[in-house]
Amino acid sequence: MTRSLAPLITLLGIAACSDDTVAPHNPDKLWLGLDGSEVQVKLVPAEPDPF
């Protein structure tokens, strides 16, 4: 009985992996922005003000 269930489980797993969702768009350029102090930075999508 487990041999007959293996293909069914495989097909259900493949069917659950749909590619219908739109992937989020990555920005073309990332900038280093301050993250709370002068020594900690993070990546930001827009150019930060000069400091």
PDB file of N, CA and C in Angstrom:
ATOM      1  N   MET A   1       0.822  -1.192   0.000  1.00  0.00           N
ATOM      2  CA  MET A   1       0.000   0.000   0.000  1.00  0.00           C
ATOM      3  C   MET A   1       0.871   1.262   0.000  1.00  0.00           C
ATOM      4  N   THR A   2       2.023   1.226   0.649  1.00  0.00           N
ATOM      5  CA  THR A   2       2.870   2.414   0.682  1.00  0.00           C
ATOM      6  C   THR A   2       3.481   2.699  -0.682  1.00  0.00           C
ATOM      7  N   ARG A   3       3.669   1.681  -1.512  1.00  0.00           N
ATOM      8  CA  ARG A   3       4.182   1.909  -2.866  1.00  0.00           C
ATOM      9  C   ARG A   3       3.172   2.654  -3.714  1.00  0.00           C
ATOM     10  N   SER A   4       1.917   2.444  -3.494  1.00  0.00           N
ATOM     11  CA  SER A   4       0.901   3.129  -4.293  1.00  0.00           C
ATOM     12  C   SER A   4       0.687   4.565  -3.804  1.00  0.00           C
ATOM     13  N   LEU A   5       1.045   4.846  -2.563  1.00  0.00           N
ATOM     14  CA  LEU A   5       0.883   6.195  -2.032  1.00  0.00           C
ATOM     15  C   LEU A   5       2.060   7.103  -2.371  1.00  0.00           C
ATOM     16  N   ALA A   6       3.223   6.548  -2.610  1.00  0.00           N
ATOM     17  CA  ALA A   6       4.404   7.363  -2.884  1.00  0.00           C
ATOM     18  C   ALA A   6       4.239   8.252  -4.121  1.00  0.00           C
ATOM     19  N   PRO A   7       3.769   7.744  -5.257  1.00  0.00           N
ATOM     20  CA  PRO A   7       3.579   8.636  -6.413  1.00  0.00           C
ATOM     21  C   PRO A   7       2.510   9.698  -6.167  1.00  0.00           C
ATOM     22  N   LEU A   8       1.486   9.348  -5.443  1.00  0.00           N
ATOM     23  CA  LEU A   8       0.428  10.305  -5.135  1.00  0.00           C
ATOM     24  C   LEU A   8       0.960  11.437  -4.265  1.00  0.00           C
ATOM     25  N   ILE A   9       1.744  11.114  -3.267  1.00  0.00           N
ATOM     26  CA  ILE A   9       2.318  12.134  -2.388  1.00  0.00           C
ATOM     27  C   ILE A   9       3.288  13.011  -3.175  1.00  0.00           C
ATOM     28  N   THR A  10       4.061  12.406  -4.072  1.00  0.00           N
ATOM     29  CA  THR A  10       4.985  13.172  -4.903  1.00  0.00           C
ATOM     30  C   THR A  10       4.227  14.142  -5.799  1.00  0.00           C
ATOM     31  N   LEU A  11       3.171  13.697  -6.429  1.00  0.00           N
ATOM     32  CA  LEU A  11       2.376  14.565  -7.298  1.00  0.00           C
ATOM     33  C   LEU A  11       1.708  15.689  -6.513  1.00  0.00           C
ATOM     34  N   LEU A  12       1.237  15.402  -5.333  1.00  0.00           N
ATOM     35  CA  LEU A  12       0.637  16.452  -4.502  1.00  0.00           C
ATOM     36  C   LEU A  12       1.681  17.481  -4.085  1.00  0.00           C
ATOM     37  N   GLY A  13       2.878  17.034  -3.807  1.00  0.00           N
ATOM     38  CA  GLY A  13       3.956  17.962  -3.445  1.00  0.00           C
ATOM     39  C   GLY A  13       4.337  18.855  -4.608  1.00  0.00           C
ATOM     40  N   ILE A  14       4.406  18.298  -5.811  1.00  0.00           N
ATOM     41  CA  ILE A  14       4.725  19.097  -6.996  1.00  0.00           C
ATOM     42  C   ILE A  14       3.605  20.088  -7.291  1.00  0.00           C
ATOM     43  N   ALA A  15       2.367  19.685  -7.143  1.00  0.00           N
ATOM     44  CA  ALA A  15       1.230  20.572  -7.403  1.00  0.00           C
ATOM     45  C   ALA A  15       1.175  21.723  -6.398  1.00  0.00           C
ATOM     46  N   ALA A  16       1.668  21.516  -5.199  1.00  0.00           N
ATOM     47  CA  ALA A  16       1.634  22.567  -4.179  1.00  0.00           C
ATOM     48  C   ALA A  16       2.705  23.622  -4.423  1.00  0.00           C
ATOM     49  N   CYS A  17       3.685  23.339  -5.254  1.00  0.00           N
ATOM     50  CA  CYS A  17       4.776  24.274  -5.543  1.00  0.00           C
ATOM     51  C   CYS A  17       4.446  25.093  -6.784  1.00  0.00           C
ATOM     52  N   SER A  18       3.466  25.954  -6.699  1.00  0.00           N
ATOM     53  CA  SER A  18       3.098  26.755  -7.859  1.00  0.00           C
ATOM     54  C   SER A  18       3.991  27.985  -7.962  1.00  0.00           C
ATOM     55  N   ASP A  19       4.129  28.503  -9.161  1.00  0.00           N
ATOM     56  CA  ASP A  19       4.949  29.675  -9.403  1.00  0.00           C
ATOM     57  C   ASP A  19       4.059  30.828  -9.866  1.00  0.00           C
ATOM     58  N   ASP A  20       2.865  30.945  -9.295  1.00  0.00           N
ATOM     59  CA  ASP A  20       1.912  31.966  -9.703  1.00  0.00           C
ATOM     60  C   ASP A  20       2.173  33.316  -9.049  1.00  0.00           C
ATOM     61  N   THR A  21       2.908  33.346  -7.963  1.00  0.00           N
ATOM     62  CA  THR A  21       3.134  34.599  -7.258  1.00  0.00           C
ATOM     63  C   THR A  21       4.220  35.405  -7.960  1.00  0.00           C
ATOM     64  N   VAL A  22       4.085  36.709  -7.903  1.00  0.00           N
ATOM     65  CA  VAL A  22       5.059  37.602  -8.508  1.00  0.00           C
ATOM     66  C   VAL A  22       6.199  37.829  -7.520  1.00  0.00           C
ATOM     67  N   ALA A  23       7.411  37.658  -7.983  1.00  0.00           N
ATOM     68  CA  ALA A  23       8.574  37.855  -7.118  1.00  0.00           C
ATOM     69  C   ALA A  23       8.748  39.345  -6.834  1.00  0.00           C
ATOM     70  N   PRO A  24       9.147  39.724  -5.617  1.00  0.00           N
ATOM     71  CA  PRO A  24       9.355  41.139  -5.317  1.00  0.00           C
ATOM     72  C   PRO A  24      10.506  41.699  -6.143  1.00  0.00           C
ATOM     73  N   HIS A  25      10.369  42.947  -6.535  1.00  0.00           N
ATOM     74  CA  HIS A  25      11.394  43.598  -7.357  1.00  0.00           C
ATOM     75  C   HIS A  25      12.509  44.126  -6.469  1.00  0.00           C
ATOM     76  N   ASN A  26      13.728  43.758  -6.799  1.00  0.00           N
ATOM     77  CA  ASN A  26      14.889  44.261  -6.066  1.00  0.00           C
ATOM     78  C   ASN A  26      15.280  45.620  -6.616  1.00  0.00           C
ATOM     79  N   PRO A  27      15.724  46.538  -5.753  1.00  0.00           N
ATOM     80  CA  PRO A  27      16.173  47.839  -6.262  1.00  0.00           C
ATOM     81  C   PRO A  27      17.421  47.677  -7.125  1.00  0.00           C
ATOM     82  N   ASP A  28      17.596  48.611  -8.081  1.00  0.00           N
ATOM     83  CA  ASP A  28      18.760  48.560  -8.964  1.00  0.00           C
ATOM     84  C   ASP A  28      20.050  48.892  -8.224  1.00  0.00           C
ATOM     85  N   LYS A  29      19.958  49.761  -7.222  1.00  0.00           N
ATOM     86  CA  LYS A  29      21.144  50.196  -6.486  1.00  0.00           C
ATOM     87  C   LYS A  29      20.807  50.274  -4.999  1.00  0.00           C
ATOM     88  N   LEU A  30      21.727  49.835  -4.165  1.00  0.00           N
ATOM     89  CA  LEU A  30      21.558  49.943  -2.712  1.00  0.00           C
ATOM     90  C   LEU A  30      22.620  50.883  -2.162  1.00  0.00           C
ATOM     91  N   TRP A  31      22.276  51.599  -1.114  1.00  0.00           N
ATOM     92  CA  TRP A  31      23.166  52.565  -0.479  1.00  0.00           C
ATOM     93  C   TRP A  31      23.386  52.157   0.967  1.00  0.00           C
ATOM     94  N   LEU A  32      24.508  52.580   1.536  1.00  0.00           N
ATOM     95  CA  LEU A  32      24.745  52.376   2.959  1.00  0.00           C
ATOM     96  C   LEU A  32      24.146  53.546   3.715  1.00  0.00           C
ATOM     97  N   GLY A  33      23.248  53.264   4.636  1.00  0.00           N
ATOM     98  CA  GLY A  33      22.645  54.297   5.469  1.00  0.00           C
ATOM     99  C   GLY A  33      22.943  54.024   6.927  1.00  0.00           C
ATOM    100  N   LEU A  34      22.978  55.075   7.727  1.00  0.00           N
ATOM    101  CA  LEU A  34      23.254  54.918   9.157  1.00  0.00           C
ATOM    102  C   LEU A  34      22.111  54.159   9.827  1.00  0.00           C
ATOM    103  N   ASP A  35      22.466  53.336  10.774  1.00  0.00           N
ATOM    104  CA  ASP A  35      21.490  52.513  11.482  1.00  0.00           C
ATOM    105  C   ASP A  35      21.536  52.796  12.975  1.00  0.00           C
ATOM    106  N   GLY A  36      21.276  54.045  13.341  1.00  0.00           N
ATOM    107  CA  GLY A  36      21.190  54.389  14.744  1.00  0.00           C
ATOM    108  C   GLY A  36      22.466  54.944  15.348  1.00  0.00           C
ATOM    109  N   SER A  37      23.614  54.718  14.734  1.00  0.00           N
ATOM    110  CA  SER A  37      24.862  55.291  15.236  1.00  0.00           C
ATOM    111  C   SER A  37      25.823  55.471  14.063  1.00  0.00           C
ATOM    112  N   GLU A  38      26.963  56.086  14.325  1.00  0.00           N
ATOM    113  CA  GLU A  38      27.913  56.357  13.254  1.00  0.00           C
ATOM    114  C   GLU A  38      28.680  55.123  12.804  1.00  0.00           C
ATOM    115  N   VAL A  39      28.671  54.072  13.598  1.00  0.00           N
ATOM    116  CA  VAL A  39      29.461  52.889  13.269  1.00  0.00           C
ATOM    117  C   VAL A  39      28.610  51.715  12.788  1.00  0.00           C
ATOM    118  N   GLN A  40      27.299  51.842  12.812  1.00  0.00           N
ATOM    119  CA  GLN A  40      26.420  50.777  12.346  1.00  0.00           C
ATOM    120  C   GLN A  40      25.694  51.269  11.093  1.00  0.00           C
ATOM    121  N   VAL A  41      25.735  50.451  10.044  1.00  0.00           N
ATOM    122  CA  VAL A  41      25.089  50.819   8.786  1.00  0.00           C
ATOM    123  C   VAL A  41      24.152  49.703   8.343  1.00  0.00           C
ATOM    124  N   LYS A  42      23.244  50.056   7.426  1.00  0.00           N
ATOM    125  CA  LYS A  42      22.348  49.079   6.821  1.00  0.00           C
ATOM    126  C   LYS A  42      22.169  49.465   5.356  1.00  0.00           C
ATOM    127  N   LEU A  43      21.705  48.526   4.551  1.00  0.00           N
ATOM    128  CA  LEU A  43      21.436  48.801   3.147  1.00  0.00           C
ATOM    129  C   LEU A  43      20.065  49.451   3.005  1.00  0.00           C
ATOM    130  N   VAL A  44      20.003  50.555   2.258  1.00  0.00           N
ATOM    131  CA  VAL A  44      18.750  51.266   2.034  1.00  0.00           C
ATOM    132  C   VAL A  44      18.549  51.446   0.530  1.00  0.00           C
ATOM    133  N   PRO A  45      17.308  51.459   0.037  1.00  0.00           N
ATOM    134  CA  PRO A  45      17.063  51.560  -1.401  1.00  0.00           C
ATOM    135  C   PRO A  45      17.215  52.955  -1.968  1.00  0.00           C
ATOM    136  N   ALA A  46      17.191  54.004  -1.146  1.00  0.00           N
ATOM    137  CA  ALA A  46      17.316  55.376  -1.625  1.00  0.00           C
ATOM    138  C   ALA A  46      18.586  56.009  -1.054  1.00  0.00           C
ATOM    139  N   GLU A  47      19.176  56.938  -1.794  1.00  0.00           N
ATOM    140  CA  GLU A  47      20.406  57.587  -1.350  1.00  0.00           C
ATOM    141  C   GLU A  47      20.121  58.431  -0.105  1.00  0.00           C
ATOM    142  N   PRO A  48      20.819  58.178   1.002  1.00  0.00           N
ATOM    143  CA  PRO A  48      20.591  58.949   2.236  1.00  0.00           C
ATOM    144  C   PRO A  48      21.200  60.344   2.131  1.00  0.00           C
ATOM    145  N   ASP A  49      20.732  61.222   2.990  1.00  0.00           N
ATOM    146  CA  ASP A  49      21.300  62.575   3.060  1.00  0.00           C
ATOM    147  C   ASP A  49      22.761  62.483   3.503  1.00  0.00           C
ATOM    148  N   PRO A  50      23.610  63.346   2.984  1.00  0.00           N
ATOM    149  CA  PRO A  50      25.004  63.333   3.439  1.00  0.00           C
ATOM    150  C   PRO A  50      25.083  63.760   4.916  1.00  0.00           C
ATOM    151  N   PHE A  51      26.057  63.232   5.618  1.00  0.00           N
ATOM    152  CA  PHE A  51      26.157  63.547   7.044  1.00  0.00           C
ATOM    153  C   PHE A  51      27.334  64.365   7.344  1.00  0.00           C
TER     154      PHE A  51
END
